[in-house]
Amino acid sequence: MFLFDPSVASQWETAENEVGRILERASAEVIGVKKWDERRLAYEIQHRKRACYALTRFRASGSNIGGIERDARLSEMILRLLVVQCDLSEEKLAEFGKEAAEQSAFLHNAAEEARKAAEAKAEEAAERTAERPVEPVSETTSTPVDGGEASGVGDDVTKIKAPPAEAAAEPEDQDRAPEPAASSEAAGEPDGDEKPQA
């Protein structure tokens, strides 16, 4: 029994290949790998509260079990491994192998369909983006901030020419003529040259 991180188990082919790789290194004969569902763990394992179980039946000599356990501990995908010796008849092993192969084929087909659907969705989104009309760009001019030549990054200020205004609202005070400035003589104030009269 292998426990996988749920993020890895969502890509069943990767998890199944990892089990196959570990068992192949130990010269074990894989009968079948069956995916069980994702379940909540009784306690945290490697800071995870959930795991996906993979029931695996294989034939290996007792001396190779230590290598399988070591490789499983070193794998980043596998959270935990439990190896139990069981005596099953050849018929039951063949039945398990058949069921595991059917499930594996089903999961591979489902993954392939999901991949194709994702590609079609991405292609459709790309087509919609290509069909969208491009908006015209405003006319811009670029001048240095200090009025001189540009000396480096961040010196330029972009000025955007705004469309002409239709009718600017004029303030009411603009209709009247400006009043002449009051002279110091009209106000009755003495000039700086004259002495005040007593």
C-alpha atoms as a PDB file:
ATOM      1  CA  MET A   1       0.000   0.000   0.000  1.00  0.00           C
ATOM      2  CA  PHE A   2       1.470   3.330  -1.100  1.00  0.00           C
ATOM      3  CA  LEU A   3       0.230   6.684   0.218  1.00  0.00           C
ATOM      4  CA  PHE A   4       0.608   9.563  -2.224  1.00  0.00           C
ATOM      5  CA  ASP A   5       0.320  13.305  -1.829  1.00  0.00           C
ATOM      6  CA  PRO A   6      -3.099  14.258  -3.319  1.00  0.00           C
ATOM      7  CA  SER A   7      -1.502  16.758  -5.714  1.00  0.00           C
ATOM      8  CA  VAL A   8       0.595  13.964  -7.254  1.00  0.00           C
ATOM      9  CA  ALA A   9      -2.259  11.467  -7.185  1.00  0.00           C
ATOM     10  CA  SER A  10      -4.368  13.745  -9.390  1.00  0.00           C
ATOM     11  CA  GLN A  11      -1.895  12.842 -12.139  1.00  0.00           C
ATOM     12  CA  TRP A  12      -2.304   9.100 -11.861  1.00  0.00           C
ATOM     13  CA  GLU A  13       0.204   8.231 -14.590  1.00  0.00           C
ATOM     14  CA  THR A  14       2.984   9.940 -12.633  1.00  0.00           C
ATOM     15  CA  ALA A  15       2.105   8.084  -9.429  1.00  0.00           C
ATOM     16  CA  GLU A  16       1.788   4.756 -11.230  1.00  0.00           C
ATOM     17  CA  ASN A  17       5.151   5.279 -12.956  1.00  0.00           C
ATOM     18  CA  GLU A  18       6.794   6.047  -9.601  1.00  0.00           C
ATOM     19  CA  VAL A  19       5.502   2.778  -8.122  1.00  0.00           C
ATOM     20  CA  GLY A  20       6.691   0.902 -11.203  1.00  0.00           C
ATOM     21  CA  ARG A  21      10.124   2.540 -11.008  1.00  0.00           C
ATOM     22  CA  ILE A  22      10.589   1.616  -7.337  1.00  0.00           C
ATOM     23  CA  LEU A  23       9.474  -1.978  -7.831  1.00  0.00           C
ATOM     24  CA  GLU A  24      11.563  -2.365 -10.989  1.00  0.00           C
ATOM     25  CA  ARG A  25      14.697  -1.301  -9.091  1.00  0.00           C
ATOM     26  CA  ALA A  26      14.010  -4.089  -6.594  1.00  0.00           C
ATOM     27  CA  SER A  27      13.489  -6.641  -9.403  1.00  0.00           C
ATOM     28  CA  ALA A  28       9.870  -7.134  -8.313  1.00  0.00           C
ATOM     29  CA  GLU A  29       7.133  -8.391 -10.630  1.00  0.00           C
ATOM     30  CA  VAL A  30       4.212  -5.946 -10.625  1.00  0.00           C
ATOM     31  CA  ILE A  31       0.837  -7.691 -10.732  1.00  0.00           C
ATOM     32  CA  GLY A  32      -1.254  -4.541 -10.567  1.00  0.00           C
ATOM     33  CA  VAL A  33      -1.663  -1.071  -9.085  1.00  0.00           C
ATOM     34  CA  LYS A  34      -5.175  -0.018  -8.077  1.00  0.00           C
ATOM     35  CA  LYS A  35      -5.991   3.571  -7.167  1.00  0.00           C
ATOM     36  CA  TRP A  36      -8.155   4.013  -4.135  1.00  0.00           C
ATOM     37  CA  ASP A  37      -9.773   7.311  -3.309  1.00  0.00           C
ATOM     38  CA  GLU A  38      -8.306  10.245  -1.449  1.00  0.00           C
ATOM     39  CA  ARG A  39      -8.999  10.059   2.268  1.00  0.00           C
ATOM     40  CA  ARG A  40      -8.407  12.018   5.429  1.00  0.00           C
ATOM     41  CA  LEU A  41      -5.536  10.621   7.473  1.00  0.00           C
ATOM     42  CA  ALA A  42      -5.920   9.702  11.141  1.00  0.00           C
ATOM     43  CA  TYR A  43      -2.845  11.843  11.851  1.00  0.00           C
ATOM     44  CA  GLU A  44      -0.608  14.146   9.824  1.00  0.00           C
ATOM     45  CA  ILE A  45       2.085  12.537   7.699  1.00  0.00           C
ATOM     46  CA  GLN A  46       4.742  14.928   6.415  1.00  0.00           C
ATOM     47  CA  HIS A  47       2.477  17.896   7.276  1.00  0.00           C
ATOM     48  CA  ARG A  48      -0.405  16.555   5.177  1.00  0.00           C
ATOM     49  CA  LYS A  49      -3.880  15.701   6.428  1.00  0.00           C
ATOM     50  CA  ARG A  50      -5.064  13.873   3.300  1.00  0.00           C
ATOM     51  CA  ALA A  51      -3.553  11.200   1.072  1.00  0.00           C
ATOM     52  CA  CYS A  52      -4.421   9.049  -1.906  1.00  0.00           C
ATOM     53  CA  TYR A  53      -4.066   5.302  -1.429  1.00  0.00           C
ATOM     54  CA  ALA A  54      -2.674   2.960  -4.089  1.00  0.00           C
ATOM     55  CA  LEU A  55      -3.070  -0.765  -3.455  1.00  0.00           C
ATOM     56  CA  THR A  56      -0.224  -2.540  -5.207  1.00  0.00           C
ATOM     57  CA  ARG A  57       0.297  -6.264  -5.543  1.00  0.00           C
ATOM     58  CA  PHE A  58       3.721  -7.526  -6.565  1.00  0.00           C
ATOM     59  CA  ARG A  59       6.040 -10.507  -6.243  1.00  0.00           C
ATOM     60  CA  ALA A  60       9.482  -9.958  -4.739  1.00  0.00           C
ATOM     61  CA  SER A  61      11.964 -11.865  -2.651  1.00  0.00           C
ATOM     62  CA  GLY A  62      12.160 -10.994   1.027  1.00  0.00           C
ATOM     63  CA  SER A  63      15.660  -9.605   0.623  1.00  0.00           C
ATOM     64  CA  ASN A  64      14.399  -6.920  -1.806  1.00  0.00           C
ATOM     65  CA  ILE A  65      11.720  -5.484   0.522  1.00  0.00           C
ATOM     66  CA  GLY A  66      14.285  -3.303   2.345  1.00  0.00           C
ATOM     67  CA  GLY A  67      15.291  -1.681  -0.962  1.00  0.00           C
ATOM     68  CA  ILE A  68      11.637  -0.997  -1.836  1.00  0.00           C
ATOM     69  CA  GLU A  69      11.037   0.646   1.549  1.00  0.00           C
ATOM     70  CA  ARG A  70      14.215   2.740   1.250  1.00  0.00           C
ATOM     71  CA  ASP A  71      13.331   3.971  -2.252  1.00  0.00           C
ATOM     72  CA  ALA A  72       9.788   4.818  -1.116  1.00  0.00           C
ATOM     73  CA  ARG A  73      11.137   6.865   1.825  1.00  0.00           C
ATOM     74  CA  LEU A  74      13.463   8.756  -0.527  1.00  0.00           C
ATOM     75  CA  SER A  75      10.709   9.505  -3.045  1.00  0.00           C
ATOM     76  CA  GLU A  76       9.165  12.967  -2.727  1.00  0.00           C
ATOM     77  CA  MET A  77       5.857  11.730  -4.128  1.00  0.00           C
ATOM     78  CA  ILE A  78       5.251   8.899  -1.668  1.00  0.00           C
ATOM     79  CA  LEU A  79       4.204   9.833   1.852  1.00  0.00           C
ATOM     80  CA  ARG A  80       4.226   6.336   3.343  1.00  0.00           C
ATOM     81  CA  LEU A  81       4.516   2.664   2.389  1.00  0.00           C
ATOM     82  CA  LEU A  82       3.190  -0.473   4.032  1.00  0.00           C
ATOM     83  CA  VAL A  83       4.328  -3.875   2.777  1.00  0.00           C
ATOM     84  CA  VAL A  84       2.382  -6.928   3.921  1.00  0.00           C
ATOM     85  CA  GLN A  85       2.967 -10.508   2.836  1.00  0.00           C
ATOM     86  CA  CYS A  86      -0.220 -12.197   1.761  1.00  0.00           C
ATOM     87  CA  ASP A  87      -0.878 -15.642   0.337  1.00  0.00           C
ATOM     88  CA  LEU A  88      -3.372 -15.356  -2.492  1.00  0.00           C
ATOM     89  CA  SER A  89      -4.215 -17.965  -5.077  1.00  0.00           C
ATOM     90  CA  GLU A  90      -3.058 -17.445  -8.643  1.00  0.00           C
ATOM     91  CA  GLU A  91      -6.710 -16.920  -9.655  1.00  0.00           C
ATOM     92  CA  LYS A  92      -7.166 -14.047  -7.208  1.00  0.00           C
ATOM     93  CA  LEU A  93      -3.877 -12.470  -8.277  1.00  0.00           C
ATOM     94  CA  ALA A  94      -4.893 -12.736 -11.957  1.00  0.00           C
ATOM     95  CA  GLU A  95      -8.297 -11.205 -11.146  1.00  0.00           C
ATOM     96  CA  PHE A  96      -6.624  -8.335  -9.262  1.00  0.00           C
ATOM     97  CA  GLY A  97      -4.241  -7.765 -12.182  1.00  0.00           C
ATOM     98  CA  LYS A  98      -7.160  -7.637 -14.629  1.00  0.00           C
ATOM     99  CA  GLU A  99      -9.130  -5.170 -12.474  1.00  0.00           C
ATOM    100  CA  ALA A 100      -6.047  -2.988 -11.989  1.00  0.00           C
ATOM    101  CA  ALA A 101      -5.374  -2.944 -15.744  1.00  0.00           C
ATOM    102  CA  GLU A 102      -9.006  -1.952 -16.473  1.00  0.00           C
ATOM    103  CA  GLN A 103      -8.893   0.828 -13.897  1.00  0.00           C
ATOM    104  CA  SER A 104      -5.540   2.043 -15.177  1.00  0.00           C
ATOM    105  CA  ALA A 105      -6.840   2.151 -18.764  1.00  0.00           C
ATOM    106  CA  PHE A 106      -9.938   4.045 -17.610  1.00  0.00           C
ATOM    107  CA  LEU A 107      -7.856   6.593 -15.677  1.00  0.00           C
ATOM    108  CA  HIS A 108      -5.458   7.045 -18.608  1.00  0.00           C
ATOM    109  CA  ASN A 109      -8.395   7.643 -20.978  1.00  0.00           C
ATOM    110  CA  ALA A 110      -9.997  10.119 -18.564  1.00  0.00           C
ATOM    111  CA  ALA A 111      -6.697  11.993 -18.223  1.00  0.00           C
ATOM    112  CA  GLU A 112      -6.293  12.086 -22.014  1.00  0.00           C
ATOM    113  CA  GLU A 113      -9.845  13.420 -22.473  1.00  0.00           C
ATOM    114  CA  ALA A 114      -9.251  16.091 -19.816  1.00  0.00           C
ATOM    115  CA  ARG A 115      -6.003  17.117 -21.527  1.00  0.00           C
ATOM    116  CA  LYS A 116      -7.747  17.359 -24.918  1.00  0.00           C
ATOM    117  CA  ALA A 117     -10.602  19.383 -23.408  1.00  0.00           C
ATOM    118  CA  ALA A 118      -8.109  21.778 -21.810  1.00  0.00           C
ATOM    119  CA  GLU A 119      -6.270  22.183 -25.124  1.00  0.00           C
ATOM    120  CA  ALA A 120      -9.543  22.851 -26.967  1.00  0.00           C
ATOM    121  CA  LYS A 121     -10.553  25.421 -24.359  1.00  0.00           C
ATOM    122  CA  ALA A 122      -7.176  27.174 -24.621  1.00  0.00           C
ATOM    123  CA  GLU A 123      -7.385  27.147 -28.418  1.00  0.00           C
ATOM    124  CA  GLU A 124     -10.903  28.615 -28.304  1.00  0.00           C
ATOM    125  CA  ALA A 125      -9.745  31.368 -25.944  1.00  0.00           C
ATOM    126  CA  ALA A 126      -6.846  32.157 -28.280  1.00  0.00           C
ATOM    127  CA  GLU A 127      -9.236  32.411 -31.245  1.00  0.00           C
ATOM    128  CA  ARG A 128     -11.540  34.757 -29.324  1.00  0.00           C
ATOM    129  CA  THR A 129      -8.571  36.933 -28.430  1.00  0.00           C
ATOM    130  CA  ALA A 130      -7.442  37.030 -32.061  1.00  0.00           C
ATOM    131  CA  GLU A 131     -10.943  38.003 -33.264  1.00  0.00           C
ATOM    132  CA  ARG A 132     -11.258  40.896 -30.799  1.00  0.00           C
ATOM    133  CA  PRO A 133     -10.775  44.247 -32.646  1.00  0.00           C
ATOM    134  CA  VAL A 134      -7.759  46.284 -31.690  1.00  0.00           C
ATOM    135  CA  GLU A 135      -8.585  49.684 -30.186  1.00  0.00           C
ATOM    136  CA  PRO A 136      -6.815  52.681 -31.765  1.00  0.00           C
ATOM    137  CA  VAL A 137      -3.893  54.032 -29.791  1.00  0.00           C
ATOM    138  CA  SER A 138      -3.855  57.701 -28.715  1.00  0.00           C
ATOM    139  CA  GLU A 139      -1.240  59.956 -30.278  1.00  0.00           C
ATOM    140  CA  THR A 140       1.490  60.648 -27.758  1.00  0.00           C
ATOM    141  CA  THR A 141       4.592  62.776 -27.552  1.00  0.00           C
ATOM    142  CA  SER A 142       7.486  62.315 -25.226  1.00  0.00           C
ATOM    143  CA  THR A 143       9.466  65.170 -23.660  1.00  0.00           C
ATOM    144  CA  PRO A 144      12.124  65.169 -20.958  1.00  0.00           C
ATOM    145  CA  VAL A 145      10.995  66.189 -17.486  1.00  0.00           C
ATOM    146  CA  ASP A 146      13.576  68.931 -17.072  1.00  0.00           C
ATOM    147  CA  GLY A 147      13.037  70.389 -20.554  1.00  0.00           C
ATOM    148  CA  GLY A 148      16.552  69.463 -21.697  1.00  0.00           C
ATOM    149  CA  GLU A 149      17.858  66.326 -23.273  1.00  0.00           C
ATOM    150  CA  ALA A 150      16.843  63.001 -21.801  1.00  0.00           C
ATOM    151  CA  SER A 151      19.597  61.648 -19.592  1.00  0.00           C
ATOM    152  CA  GLY A 152      18.312  58.268 -18.534  1.00  0.00           C
ATOM    153  CA  VAL A 153      15.496  56.020 -17.470  1.00  0.00           C
ATOM    154  CA  GLY A 154      12.514  57.802 -15.973  1.00  0.00           C
ATOM    155  CA  ASP A 155      13.336  61.197 -17.501  1.00  0.00           C
ATOM    156  CA  ASP A 156      10.535  61.138 -20.056  1.00  0.00           C
ATOM    157  CA  VAL A 157       7.005  62.269 -19.376  1.00  0.00           C
ATOM    158  CA  THR A 158       4.376  61.161 -21.834  1.00  0.00           C
ATOM    159  CA  LYS A 159       1.805  63.756 -22.863  1.00  0.00           C
ATOM    160  CA  ILE A 160      -1.415  62.467 -24.317  1.00  0.00           C
ATOM    161  CA  LYS A 161      -3.301  64.745 -26.661  1.00  0.00           C
ATOM    162  CA  ALA A 162      -6.883  64.902 -25.543  1.00  0.00           C
ATOM    163  CA  PRO A 163      -9.726  65.102 -28.063  1.00  0.00           C
ATOM    164  CA  PRO A 164     -11.080  68.650 -28.598  1.00  0.00           C
ATOM    165  CA  ALA A 165     -13.752  69.670 -26.140  1.00  0.00           C
ATOM    166  CA  GLU A 166     -17.188  70.334 -27.642  1.00  0.00           C
ATOM    167  CA  ALA A 167     -18.215  73.398 -25.701  1.00  0.00           C
ATOM    168  CA  ALA A 168     -16.197  74.630 -22.789  1.00  0.00           C
ATOM    169  CA  ALA A 169     -18.287  76.150 -20.053  1.00  0.00           C
ATOM    170  CA  GLU A 170     -17.363  79.808 -19.539  1.00  0.00           C
ATOM    171  CA  PRO A 171     -17.512  81.442 -16.144  1.00  0.00           C
ATOM    172  CA  GLU A 172     -20.030  84.273 -15.720  1.00  0.00           C
ATOM    173  CA  ASP A 173     -17.345  86.788 -14.669  1.00  0.00           C
ATOM    174  CA  GLN A 174     -15.620  86.540 -18.052  1.00  0.00           C
ATOM    175  CA  ASP A 175     -18.363  88.603 -19.814  1.00  0.00           C
ATOM    176  CA  ARG A 176     -17.423  91.776 -17.937  1.00  0.00           C
ATOM    177  CA  ALA A 177     -14.474  93.902 -18.963  1.00  0.00           C
ATOM    178  CA  PRO A 178     -11.580  93.945 -16.564  1.00  0.00           C
ATOM    179  CA  GLU A 179     -11.605  96.877 -14.174  1.00  0.00           C
ATOM    180  CA  PRO A 180      -8.746  99.379 -14.470  1.00  0.00           C
ATOM    181  CA  ALA A 181      -6.240  99.326 -11.694  1.00  0.00           C
ATOM    182  CA  ALA A 182      -6.886 102.007  -9.100  1.00  0.00           C
ATOM    183  CA  SER A 183      -4.252 104.728  -9.027  1.00  0.00           C
ATOM    184  CA  SER A 184      -2.824 105.961  -5.789  1.00  0.00           C
ATOM    185  CA  GLU A 185      -4.069 109.536  -6.553  1.00  0.00           C
ATOM    186  CA  ALA A 186      -7.656 108.435  -7.052  1.00  0.00           C
ATOM    187  CA  ALA A 187      -7.603 106.615  -3.785  1.00  0.00           C
ATOM    188  CA  GLY A 188      -6.439 109.720  -1.989  1.00  0.00           C
ATOM    189  CA  GLU A 189      -3.188 108.223  -0.877  1.00  0.00           C
ATOM    190  CA  PRO A 190      -0.090 110.365  -0.950  1.00  0.00           C
ATOM    191  CA  ASP A 191       2.687 109.622  -3.388  1.00  0.00           C
ATOM    192  CA  GLY A 192       6.006 108.659  -2.008  1.00  0.00           C
ATOM    193  CA  ASP A 193       7.422 112.089  -3.194  1.00  0.00           C
ATOM    194  CA  GLU A 194       4.840 114.281  -1.544  1.00  0.00           C
ATOM    195  CA  LYS A 195       4.838 115.143   2.124  1.00  0.00           C
ATOM    196  CA  PRO A 196       1.660 114.678   4.020  1.00  0.00           C
ATOM    197  CA  GLN A 197      -0.264 117.799   4.846  1.00  0.00           C
ATOM    198  CA  ALA A 198      -0.886 118.620   8.427  1.00  0.00           C
END
